[in-house]
Amino acid sequence: IRTISLRRRLIIDLMRASMDVPFITLSRTLDIKRLAEARASLENAPGWAAIFTKAFSLVAKEDPVLRTLYIGRPWPHFYELPRSVGMVAIARTEAGEDCVLMQKVAAPDELPLDKIDAEIRYAKTAPVEDVPAFRKSLRASGLPWPLNRLIWTLGLHIGRQRANYFGSFGITSVSAIGAGQLHALSPGPFILTYGVLHPDKTIDVLLRWDHRVTDAALIAAALERLQTVLNTTIAAELTRSQPLPEAKAALAVAT
């Protein structure tokens, strides 16, 4: 018999909250040649998690359905968020135990990529208690049973609080340790996972969504739009972030 750690209790709580979500999955192979070339030209390129977090948020900015939550209590209704809130899965090892914690990124479409990337990297290395999103979720899972269920129930069924605790979309991947499709669960409504970059500059993307919120046609269109955003807006931001050559930089200062 072994005691369940607080970190595993959090995952157990998340899985309990995800059990009744009717997820459907659509996968696509995206051609991201322009983005891949722009990213390869940088010495300190932002990670793929930051890139997909911002890109999906930009797509959701144009389509409010991708910022919509299904709330089941006290009566079934939809709650449309004014902005996206991303939850990025962070793999860590704490006290000799592998675990996954969720880093919150509010309004990623309004943040520069380097800022998003810094928040994600901080969550990978900072003490757990120093990351507000980690601290909040672990505190909720550490409460005694009646309070634990009450906090989770309120978090799941109050629209704005639902976004604060669980976000409007999740980003997760196992690409750092090899290829493979990950069919993740969450309280919803959207979870995006991505694979490794192929030699032909394509990448496999899988999007899971709460079927109560929308249908496959909209998701297919969203993935097409995601490919476009990656190759235009995101690639352009990476290109602008490249340092000027020394000669050009000196000329710019002189003028």
Protein backbone atom coordinates (compact mmCIF):
# COMPACT_ATOMS: atom_id res chain seq x y z
CA ILE A 1 0.00 0.00 0.00
CA ARG A 2 1.37 3.39 -1.00
CA THR A 3 0.01 6.82 -0.24
CA ILE A 4 -1.28 8.76 -3.26
CA SER A 5 0.79 11.92 -3.61
CA LEU A 6 -0.82 15.33 -3.95
CA ARG A 7 0.34 15.51 -7.57
CA ARG A 8 -1.42 12.22 -8.44
CA ARG A 9 -4.51 13.37 -6.54
CA LEU A 10 -4.62 16.35 -8.87
CA ILE A 11 -4.59 14.07 -11.93
CA ILE A 12 -7.29 11.89 -10.35
CA ASP A 13 -9.43 14.99 -9.81
CA LEU A 14 -8.86 16.09 -13.42
CA MET A 15 -9.82 12.67 -14.76
CA ARG A 16 -12.97 12.63 -12.63
CA ALA A 17 -13.90 16.05 -14.04
CA SER A 18 -13.25 14.78 -17.58
CA MET A 19 -15.23 11.54 -17.44
CA ASP A 20 -18.49 12.90 -18.83
CA VAL A 21 -17.04 15.04 -21.63
CA PRO A 22 -18.05 13.55 -25.03
CA PHE A 23 -14.78 14.12 -26.87
CA ILE A 24 -14.40 13.64 -30.62
CA THR A 25 -11.04 13.73 -32.38
CA LEU A 26 -9.84 15.09 -35.71
CA SER A 27 -6.23 14.79 -36.87
CA ARG A 28 -4.53 16.61 -39.73
CA THR A 29 -1.03 16.83 -41.16
CA LEU A 30 -0.18 20.51 -41.48
CA ASP A 31 2.33 21.90 -43.97
CA ILE A 32 4.30 24.46 -41.94
CA LYS A 33 7.33 24.99 -44.20
CA ARG A 34 7.44 28.78 -43.81
CA LEU A 35 7.16 28.54 -40.02
CA ALA A 36 9.76 25.78 -39.79
CA GLU A 37 12.25 27.79 -41.87
CA ALA A 38 11.70 30.94 -39.80
CA ARG A 39 12.11 29.00 -36.56
CA ALA A 40 15.25 27.18 -37.79
CA SER A 41 16.92 30.54 -38.49
CA LEU A 42 16.80 31.53 -34.79
CA GLU A 43 19.44 30.62 -32.23
CA ASN A 44 16.97 30.68 -29.34
CA ALA A 45 13.70 29.78 -30.99
CA PRO A 46 10.52 29.54 -28.90
CA GLY A 47 9.29 26.04 -28.15
CA TRP A 48 6.50 24.39 -30.09
CA ALA A 49 4.19 24.57 -27.08
CA ALA A 50 4.41 28.37 -27.09
CA ILE A 51 3.91 28.50 -30.86
CA PHE A 52 0.77 26.35 -30.84
CA THR A 53 -0.60 28.11 -27.76
CA LYS A 54 -0.49 31.47 -29.51
CA ALA A 55 -1.58 30.15 -32.88
CA PHE A 56 -4.69 28.41 -31.56
CA SER A 57 -5.59 31.48 -29.52
CA LEU A 58 -5.36 33.63 -32.67
CA VAL A 59 -7.72 31.25 -34.47
CA ALA A 60 -10.10 31.33 -31.49
CA LYS A 61 -10.01 35.13 -31.48
CA GLU A 62 -11.76 35.08 -34.85
CA ASP A 63 -14.27 32.37 -33.94
CA PRO A 64 -16.04 32.68 -30.56
CA VAL A 65 -17.15 29.02 -30.69
CA LEU A 66 -13.52 28.14 -29.93
CA ARG A 67 -13.85 30.22 -26.75
CA THR A 68 -17.14 28.63 -25.67
CA LEU A 69 -17.64 26.34 -22.66
CA TYR A 70 -20.46 23.92 -22.00
CA ILE A 71 -21.75 24.43 -18.44
CA GLY A 72 -24.06 21.71 -17.14
CA ARG A 73 -25.26 23.21 -13.85
CA PRO A 74 -27.46 24.66 -12.48
CA TRP A 75 -28.95 24.37 -16.00
CA PRO A 76 -27.29 23.40 -19.29
CA HIS A 77 -25.96 26.47 -21.11
CA PHE A 78 -23.00 27.81 -23.07
CA TYR A 79 -20.61 30.41 -21.72
CA GLU A 80 -18.65 32.47 -24.26
CA LEU A 81 -15.36 33.80 -22.95
CA PRO A 82 -14.14 37.26 -24.00
CA ARG A 83 -10.63 35.88 -24.53
CA SER A 84 -8.82 32.55 -24.69
CA VAL A 85 -7.06 30.98 -21.73
CA GLY A 86 -4.52 28.29 -22.56
CA MET A 87 -3.49 25.49 -20.21
CA VAL A 88 -0.14 23.96 -21.17
CA ALA A 89 0.77 20.53 -19.80
CA ILE A 90 4.18 20.67 -18.08
CA ALA A 91 6.00 17.40 -17.41
CA ARG A 92 8.11 17.54 -14.24
CA THR A 93 9.79 15.28 -11.73
CA GLU A 94 9.03 16.15 -8.11
CA ALA A 95 10.31 14.17 -5.12
CA GLY A 96 11.40 11.41 -7.52
CA GLU A 97 7.93 11.15 -9.08
CA ASP A 98 7.04 12.00 -12.66
CA CYS A 99 4.01 14.26 -12.83
CA VAL A 100 2.12 16.64 -15.10
CA LEU A 101 1.02 20.11 -13.98
CA MET A 102 -0.87 22.73 -15.96
CA GLN A 103 0.55 26.19 -16.63
CA LYS A 104 -2.04 28.88 -17.34
CA VAL A 105 -1.42 31.37 -20.15
CA ALA A 106 -4.10 34.08 -20.28
CA ALA A 107 -4.91 35.73 -23.62
CA PRO A 108 -1.97 34.21 -25.56
CA ASP A 109 -3.00 36.01 -28.74
CA GLU A 110 -2.19 39.32 -27.02
CA LEU A 111 1.31 38.26 -25.87
CA PRO A 112 4.59 38.13 -27.80
CA LEU A 113 5.88 34.62 -28.43
CA ASP A 114 8.96 35.11 -26.29
CA LYS A 115 6.76 36.05 -23.33
CA ILE A 116 4.64 32.91 -23.72
CA ASP A 117 7.76 30.79 -24.11
CA ALA A 118 9.28 32.34 -20.98
CA GLU A 119 6.17 31.52 -18.94
CA ILE A 120 6.26 27.90 -20.10
CA ARG A 121 9.99 27.52 -19.45
CA TYR A 122 9.59 29.08 -16.02
CA ALA A 123 6.92 26.53 -15.19
CA LYS A 124 9.34 23.74 -16.13
CA THR A 125 12.11 24.83 -13.78
CA ALA A 126 10.76 27.05 -10.99
CA PRO A 127 9.81 25.60 -7.60
CA VAL A 128 6.25 24.29 -7.80
CA GLU A 129 5.06 26.63 -5.05
CA ASP A 130 6.33 29.64 -7.04
CA VAL A 131 4.07 28.96 -10.04
CA PRO A 132 0.59 30.39 -9.28
CA ALA A 133 -1.32 27.95 -11.52
CA PHE A 134 0.42 24.96 -9.92
CA ARG A 135 -0.13 26.31 -6.42
CA LYS A 136 -3.85 26.94 -6.98
CA SER A 137 -4.63 23.51 -8.45
CA LEU A 138 -2.59 21.55 -5.91
CA ARG A 139 -4.17 23.49 -3.07
CA ALA A 140 -7.65 22.55 -4.33
CA SER A 141 -6.74 18.86 -4.63
CA GLY A 142 -5.19 18.92 -1.15
CA LEU A 143 -8.41 19.96 0.59
CA PRO A 144 -10.41 17.46 2.66
CA TRP A 145 -13.00 15.49 0.67
CA PRO A 146 -16.13 17.67 1.13
CA LEU A 147 -14.27 20.92 0.44
CA ASN A 148 -12.36 19.36 -2.44
CA ARG A 149 -15.56 18.34 -4.21
CA LEU A 150 -17.17 21.72 -3.51
CA ILE A 151 -14.25 23.70 -4.97
CA TRP A 152 -14.06 21.47 -8.05
CA THR A 153 -17.82 21.67 -8.57
CA LEU A 154 -17.80 25.45 -8.37
CA GLY A 155 -14.78 25.63 -10.66
CA LEU A 156 -16.46 23.44 -13.26
CA HIS A 157 -19.91 25.05 -13.23
CA ILE A 158 -19.20 28.78 -12.97
CA GLY A 159 -18.20 29.96 -16.44
CA ARG A 160 -15.51 32.48 -15.61
CA GLN A 161 -14.07 30.33 -12.83
CA ARG A 162 -14.02 27.37 -15.21
CA ALA A 163 -11.64 29.32 -17.46
CA ASN A 164 -9.49 30.34 -14.49
CA TYR A 165 -9.06 26.76 -13.34
CA PHE A 166 -9.17 24.78 -16.57
CA GLY A 167 -8.73 27.27 -19.42
CA SER A 168 -10.62 27.39 -22.71
CA PHE A 169 -8.16 25.04 -24.45
CA GLY A 170 -5.28 22.75 -23.55
CA ILE A 171 -1.92 22.09 -25.21
CA THR A 172 -0.06 18.84 -24.65
CA SER A 173 2.48 16.71 -26.52
CA VAL A 174 4.96 13.88 -26.14
CA SER A 175 7.01 14.99 -29.16
CA ALA A 176 10.04 15.75 -26.97
CA ILE A 177 10.49 12.00 -26.44
CA GLY A 178 9.44 10.75 -29.86
CA ALA A 179 6.58 10.53 -32.30
CA GLY A 180 3.11 9.36 -31.36
CA GLN A 181 -0.49 10.50 -31.11
CA LEU A 182 -1.72 11.50 -27.67
CA HIS A 183 -5.48 11.30 -27.06
CA ALA A 184 -5.59 13.36 -23.89
CA LEU A 185 -8.51 14.08 -21.57
CA SER A 186 -9.48 17.25 -19.78
CA PRO A 187 -12.64 19.00 -18.58
CA GLY A 188 -12.67 20.49 -22.09
CA PRO A 189 -13.69 21.95 -24.36
CA PHE A 190 -10.62 21.77 -26.66
CA ILE A 191 -7.30 19.91 -26.44
CA LEU A 192 -4.62 20.27 -29.10
CA THR A 193 -1.68 17.90 -29.38
CA TYR A 194 1.16 17.94 -31.92
CA GLY A 195 3.82 15.49 -33.05
CA VAL A 196 7.38 15.82 -34.29
CA LEU A 197 8.38 17.96 -37.26
CA HIS A 198 8.85 15.70 -40.28
CA PRO A 199 11.73 16.15 -42.76
CA ASP A 200 9.27 17.52 -45.34
CA LYS A 201 8.34 20.31 -42.88
CA THR A 202 4.95 18.88 -42.01
CA ILE A 203 3.63 18.18 -38.54
CA ASP A 204 0.80 16.00 -37.31
CA VAL A 205 -1.79 17.83 -35.21
CA LEU A 206 -4.69 16.29 -33.34
CA LEU A 207 -7.58 18.33 -31.98
CA ARG A 208 -10.10 16.89 -29.51
CA TRP A 209 -13.26 18.79 -28.71
CA ASP A 210 -16.44 18.63 -26.68
CA HIS A 211 -19.08 17.59 -29.22
CA ARG A 212 -21.74 19.45 -27.23
CA VAL A 213 -20.05 22.72 -28.18
CA THR A 214 -19.55 22.29 -31.93
CA ASP A 215 -19.30 19.86 -34.85
CA ALA A 216 -16.56 18.47 -37.05
CA ALA A 217 -16.97 20.91 -39.95
CA LEU A 218 -16.00 23.88 -37.78
CA ILE A 219 -13.03 21.98 -36.35
CA ALA A 220 -11.80 21.03 -39.82
CA ALA A 221 -11.99 24.68 -40.85
CA ALA A 222 -10.19 25.68 -37.64
CA LEU A 223 -7.28 23.35 -38.43
CA GLU A 224 -7.02 24.84 -41.93
CA ARG A 225 -6.98 28.29 -40.38
CA LEU A 226 -4.38 27.13 -37.84
CA GLN A 227 -2.05 26.10 -40.68
CA THR A 228 -2.46 29.53 -42.26
CA VAL A 229 -1.80 31.38 -39.00
CA LEU A 230 1.33 29.31 -38.33
CA ASN A 231 2.75 30.12 -41.76
CA THR A 232 1.83 33.80 -41.74
CA THR A 233 1.35 35.57 -38.41
CA ILE A 234 3.58 33.28 -36.34
CA ALA A 235 6.28 32.92 -39.02
CA ALA A 236 6.32 36.71 -39.49
CA GLU A 237 6.76 37.28 -35.74
CA LEU A 238 9.70 34.87 -35.68
CA THR A 239 11.25 36.59 -38.69
CA ARG A 240 10.93 40.01 -37.02
CA SER A 241 12.62 38.66 -33.88
CA GLN A 242 15.85 37.81 -35.74
CA PRO A 243 18.73 40.10 -34.72
CA LEU A 244 20.06 42.44 -37.37
CA PRO A 245 23.50 41.70 -38.82
CA GLU A 246 26.20 43.87 -37.21
CA ALA A 247 26.66 46.11 -40.24
CA LYS A 248 22.94 46.80 -40.61
CA ALA A 249 22.58 47.32 -36.89
CA ALA A 250 25.38 49.92 -36.90
CA LEU A 251 23.78 51.73 -39.82
CA ALA A 252 20.45 51.77 -38.05
CA VAL A 253 22.04 53.36 -34.96
CA ALA A 254 23.88 55.91 -37.06
CA THR A 255 20.72 57.05 -38.79
